[in-house]
Structures are given as structure tokens and as C-alpha cells.
């Protein structure tokens, strides 16, 4: 597979494969064994270590990946076409159908989940979408990358079909925003807040309780 590839392309394919493996472990550790805290903490530590390791050899890599302040506001504004109606619908549904509209554990979810959202968007968009778009030996255009990675992100949330549909549409907006403004911080915040609220009100899932279910 790698014989005729440049060193840069080889690294990009390895990164993509590593992300796919990380996603596969989600089905084992989170969905099957219900070790959510172990999986999330391990995935975060592994990829943070990788980010820091790459930064030591390439001081511009963080900026290239999208860990920068430039484009934050533009990304938020671009995604308003999705996040605005989505947030309105989620909160309206929650207000009508959730007996206890507000509980204390919603606060740590909205504080912590964006951190996990940044890691997820870094993996799906910074590495998979970004690499697919720039691999010199791969003939694929932006629209194909957007569709492919959005499908992959939706499949990562199988078997919750409602959640898969929500994440598929969300990722389409996120990838297009990333290609224009390249800011992962904004995408992580939006992912954390929209995802946390969607799971809490629409899917009736308490992420705080799920995280510490082992106890």
C-alpha cells in the first residue's frame, strides 16, 4: 500500500488508520463493556501525547491542524445555519417533554463535553478529512471528503439511528466550516454543547451518570 507513497502521504494514511482503530475500540470499550471513562480518558491521553510529540518536531503543526484562535467567530457564524435551529429544537423539546428540565449534572456535561468534542473533531476532521483532502496520490474532491467523513462519523454512533442522523448533518456543516476557517476550538465547543444537549433532552441520556457507571 505504501510502496509508491511519499513520506508525508504515508504518515497521513497511518494517522487515518489510527483514527479508525480508535473508533473501533469505542464499540468494544464503550458500547460492549461500558467502560466509558476508561475509553475516553485513554483516547484523550493517547492523542494528546501524539499532538505534543508532533509539535516537538513541527512547531507549525498545531496551527495547520486548526488549534488556533483565527477563524473562531467565523466558524461559529457559519455553523449557525445548523446550530441555531438545532439548539432551538432541542431546548423546546426538552422544555415540553422533560419533567425536570434542569438538573445539576447538566453543568459538568456542558463544561467537560466540549473537551472530548475537540478531540473527536480533531480525529474526524483534522486527521481524516484534512488528510484525505491533501494526500497527493488520492483523487478525491472536497464534496466527496465531506460526504465520506460525515458518513463515518455517523456510523461511529451506531446503533442510535436518530443520533446517527443528527451527527451526519452536523458533521457536514463542521467539515465545510473547517475547510474554510480551519478552527477546531469552535467545532469542539459546538460539538460539546449541541451533542450534550441532544443526548440529554432528545435521547434522554445522562452522560454524567454514564461516564461513572463503573462506580
Protein backbone atom coordinates (compact mmCIF):
# COMPACT_ATOMS: atom_id res chain seq x y z
CA UNK A 1 0.00 0.00 0.00
CA UNK A 2 2.78 2.40 0.92
CA UNK A 3 5.41 1.49 -1.69
CA UNK A 4 4.82 4.41 -4.06
CA UNK A 5 3.78 6.99 -1.48
CA UNK A 6 5.76 9.95 -0.21
CA UNK A 7 6.80 10.05 3.46
CA UNK A 8 4.14 12.70 4.09
CA UNK A 9 1.40 10.59 2.48
CA UNK A 10 2.48 7.51 4.45
CA UNK A 11 2.15 9.44 7.70
CA UNK A 12 -1.32 10.66 6.71
CA UNK A 13 -2.53 7.13 5.91
CA UNK A 14 -1.13 5.86 9.22
CA UNK A 15 -2.95 8.65 11.06
CA UNK A 16 -6.20 7.75 9.30
CA UNK A 17 -5.79 4.08 10.20
CA UNK A 18 -5.04 5.01 13.82
CA UNK A 19 -8.23 7.07 14.00
CA UNK A 20 -10.26 4.18 12.53
CA UNK A 21 -8.78 1.86 15.17
CA UNK A 22 -9.67 4.37 17.88
CA UNK A 23 -13.25 4.37 16.59
CA UNK A 24 -13.37 0.57 16.50
CA UNK A 25 -12.27 0.39 20.15
CA UNK A 26 -15.26 2.59 21.01
CA UNK A 27 -17.64 -0.24 20.12
CA UNK A 28 -15.72 -2.64 22.37
CA UNK A 29 -14.91 -0.50 25.39
CA UNK A 30 -17.89 1.89 25.45
CA UNK A 31 -20.78 0.04 23.83
CA UNK A 32 -20.00 -3.54 24.83
CA UNK A 33 -18.01 -3.35 28.10
CA UNK A 34 -19.49 0.05 29.12
CA UNK A 35 -16.07 1.34 30.19
CA UNK A 36 -16.77 4.87 29.02
CA UNK A 37 -14.44 6.67 31.42
CA UNK A 38 -11.58 4.32 30.56
CA UNK A 39 -12.10 4.66 26.81
CA UNK A 40 -12.49 8.44 26.75
CA UNK A 41 -9.57 9.11 29.10
CA UNK A 42 -7.30 6.66 27.26
CA UNK A 43 -8.21 8.06 23.84
CA UNK A 44 -7.65 11.62 25.02
CA UNK A 45 -4.29 10.84 26.60
CA UNK A 46 -3.06 8.91 23.56
CA UNK A 47 -3.98 11.61 21.06
CA UNK A 48 -2.82 14.49 23.28
CA UNK A 49 0.54 12.69 23.54
CA UNK A 50 0.62 12.33 19.76
CA UNK A 51 -0.23 16.02 19.27
CA UNK A 52 2.55 17.09 21.63
CA UNK A 53 5.00 14.68 20.01
CA UNK A 54 4.29 16.11 16.56
CA UNK A 55 4.54 19.63 17.94
CA UNK A 56 8.05 18.95 19.22
CA UNK A 57 9.24 18.23 15.66
CA UNK A 58 6.97 20.67 13.81
CA UNK A 59 6.14 23.95 15.56
CA UNK A 60 3.58 24.88 12.91
CA UNK A 61 1.52 21.67 13.08
CA UNK A 62 -0.96 22.93 15.69
CA UNK A 63 -1.81 25.94 13.54
CA UNK A 64 -2.12 23.74 10.47
CA UNK A 65 -4.45 21.34 12.25
CA UNK A 66 -6.68 24.16 13.46
CA UNK A 67 -5.65 24.70 17.09
CA UNK A 68 -5.67 28.50 16.72
CA UNK A 69 -7.81 31.50 17.55
CA UNK A 70 -8.16 32.72 13.97
CA UNK A 71 -11.48 31.74 12.45
CA UNK A 72 -13.27 31.00 15.73
CA UNK A 73 -16.02 33.57 15.25
CA UNK A 74 -16.35 32.84 11.53
CA UNK A 75 -16.75 29.13 12.26
CA UNK A 76 -19.48 29.77 14.84
CA UNK A 77 -21.30 32.07 12.42
CA UNK A 78 -21.02 29.63 9.52
CA UNK A 79 -22.47 26.79 11.60
CA UNK A 80 -25.40 28.90 12.82
CA UNK A 81 -27.48 27.62 9.91
CA UNK A 82 -27.38 24.23 11.67
CA UNK A 83 -26.68 25.01 15.32
CA UNK A 84 -29.35 27.73 15.60
CA UNK A 85 -32.36 25.60 14.56
CA UNK A 86 -30.88 22.52 16.25
CA UNK A 87 -30.42 24.27 19.59
CA UNK A 88 -33.89 25.82 19.39
CA UNK A 89 -35.47 22.46 18.63
CA UNK A 90 -33.56 20.62 21.35
CA UNK A 91 -34.39 23.12 24.08
CA UNK A 92 -38.03 23.39 23.01
CA UNK A 93 -38.40 19.61 23.03
CA UNK A 94 -36.68 19.40 26.40
CA UNK A 95 -38.84 22.11 27.92
CA UNK A 96 -42.04 20.39 26.77
CA UNK A 97 -41.21 16.73 27.33
CA UNK A 98 -38.59 16.67 30.10
CA UNK A 99 -40.20 16.61 33.58
CA UNK A 100 -37.08 18.01 35.25
CA UNK A 101 -35.87 20.42 32.59
CA UNK A 102 -32.81 21.37 34.59
CA UNK A 103 -30.66 19.15 36.78
CA UNK A 104 -27.26 19.92 38.29
CA UNK A 105 -25.42 17.25 36.28
CA UNK A 106 -26.14 19.15 33.06
CA UNK A 107 -23.50 21.71 34.11
CA UNK A 108 -20.46 19.36 34.18
CA UNK A 109 -21.67 17.84 30.90
CA UNK A 110 -21.63 21.24 29.17
CA UNK A 111 -18.26 22.08 30.74
CA UNK A 112 -16.43 18.82 30.06
CA UNK A 113 -18.01 17.50 26.87
CA UNK A 114 -16.54 20.24 24.63
CA UNK A 115 -13.06 18.95 25.57
CA UNK A 116 -13.99 15.50 24.25
CA UNK A 117 -15.64 17.26 21.32
CA UNK A 118 -12.34 18.91 20.37
CA UNK A 119 -10.58 15.53 20.34
CA UNK A 120 -13.33 13.95 18.25
CA UNK A 121 -13.31 16.76 15.70
CA UNK A 122 -9.52 16.69 15.59
CA UNK A 123 -9.64 12.98 14.74
CA UNK A 124 -12.50 13.10 12.25
CA UNK A 125 -11.80 16.43 10.57
CA UNK A 126 -8.22 17.43 11.39
CA UNK A 127 -6.80 14.00 10.59
CA UNK A 128 -9.24 12.04 8.41
CA UNK A 129 -10.87 14.84 6.38
CA UNK A 130 -7.75 17.01 6.33
CA UNK A 131 -5.50 14.14 5.29
CA UNK A 132 -7.85 12.76 2.65
CA UNK A 133 -8.02 16.18 1.07
CA UNK A 134 -4.23 16.59 0.87
CA UNK A 135 -2.91 13.09 0.08
CA UNK A 136 -1.20 13.60 -3.25
CA UNK A 137 -1.90 10.11 -4.60
CA UNK A 138 -5.63 10.25 -3.85
CA UNK A 139 -8.06 11.63 -6.43
CA UNK A 140 -10.94 12.87 -4.28
CA UNK A 141 -12.62 16.27 -4.19
CA UNK A 142 -13.92 18.29 -1.25
CA UNK A 143 -17.57 17.23 -1.62
CA UNK A 144 -16.59 13.57 -1.59
CA UNK A 145 -14.46 14.08 1.51
CA UNK A 146 -17.31 15.87 3.28
CA UNK A 147 -19.78 13.09 2.48
CA UNK A 148 -17.40 10.23 3.30
CA UNK A 149 -16.24 11.59 6.65
CA UNK A 150 -19.79 12.59 7.65
CA UNK A 151 -20.93 9.02 6.98
CA UNK A 152 -18.01 7.66 9.04
CA UNK A 153 -18.84 9.98 11.92
CA UNK A 154 -22.49 8.90 11.80
CA UNK A 155 -21.50 5.22 11.77
CA UNK A 156 -19.41 5.81 14.90
CA UNK A 157 -22.72 6.45 16.70
CA UNK A 158 -24.39 3.22 15.57
CA UNK A 159 -26.93 1.80 16.52
CA UNK A 160 -28.76 5.02 17.61
CA UNK A 161 -30.35 5.96 14.29
CA UNK A 162 -31.68 9.32 15.46
CA UNK A 163 -28.24 10.23 16.80
CA UNK A 164 -26.62 9.00 13.58
CA UNK A 165 -28.83 11.28 11.51
CA UNK A 166 -28.11 14.26 13.77
CA UNK A 167 -24.34 13.73 13.74
CA UNK A 168 -24.29 13.17 9.98
CA UNK A 169 -25.88 16.56 9.26
CA UNK A 170 -23.82 18.28 11.96
CA UNK A 171 -20.56 16.93 10.55
CA UNK A 172 -21.38 18.15 7.04
CA UNK A 173 -21.55 21.73 8.37
CA UNK A 174 -18.49 21.22 10.58
CA UNK A 175 -16.25 19.89 7.81
CA UNK A 176 -17.24 22.62 5.39
CA UNK A 177 -16.58 25.23 8.10
CA UNK A 178 -13.19 23.64 8.84
CA UNK A 179 -12.11 23.75 5.21
CA UNK A 180 -12.97 27.45 5.11
CA UNK A 181 -11.78 28.72 8.51
CA UNK A 182 -9.74 25.82 9.99
CA UNK A 183 -10.62 26.28 13.65
CA UNK A 184 -11.03 23.17 15.81
CA UNK A 185 -11.76 25.04 19.05
CA UNK A 186 -15.06 26.39 17.77
CA UNK A 187 -16.08 22.99 16.40
CA UNK A 188 -15.24 21.34 19.72
CA UNK A 189 -17.40 23.81 21.66
CA UNK A 190 -20.32 23.39 19.26
CA UNK A 191 -19.92 19.62 19.31
CA UNK A 192 -19.89 19.53 23.10
CA UNK A 193 -22.88 21.77 23.68
CA UNK A 194 -25.08 20.53 20.84
CA UNK A 195 -24.17 16.90 21.42
CA UNK A 196 -24.54 17.12 25.19
CA UNK A 197 -27.94 18.80 24.99
CA UNK A 198 -29.16 16.47 22.24
CA UNK A 199 -28.25 13.38 24.23
CA UNK A 200 -29.67 14.81 27.45
CA UNK A 201 -33.05 16.00 26.14
CA UNK A 202 -33.74 14.09 22.92
CA UNK A 203 -32.07 10.75 23.68
CA UNK A 204 -32.76 11.04 27.45
CA UNK A 205 -29.20 10.02 28.26
CA UNK A 206 -27.35 11.34 31.29
CA UNK A 207 -23.72 11.47 30.15
CA UNK A 208 -22.50 12.29 33.64
CA UNK A 209 -24.07 9.12 35.03
CA UNK A 210 -22.88 7.05 32.05
CA UNK A 211 -19.32 8.25 32.50
CA UNK A 212 -19.14 6.97 36.06
CA UNK A 213 -21.36 3.91 35.61
CA UNK A 214 -18.44 1.67 36.67
CA UNK A 215 -18.83 3.06 40.18
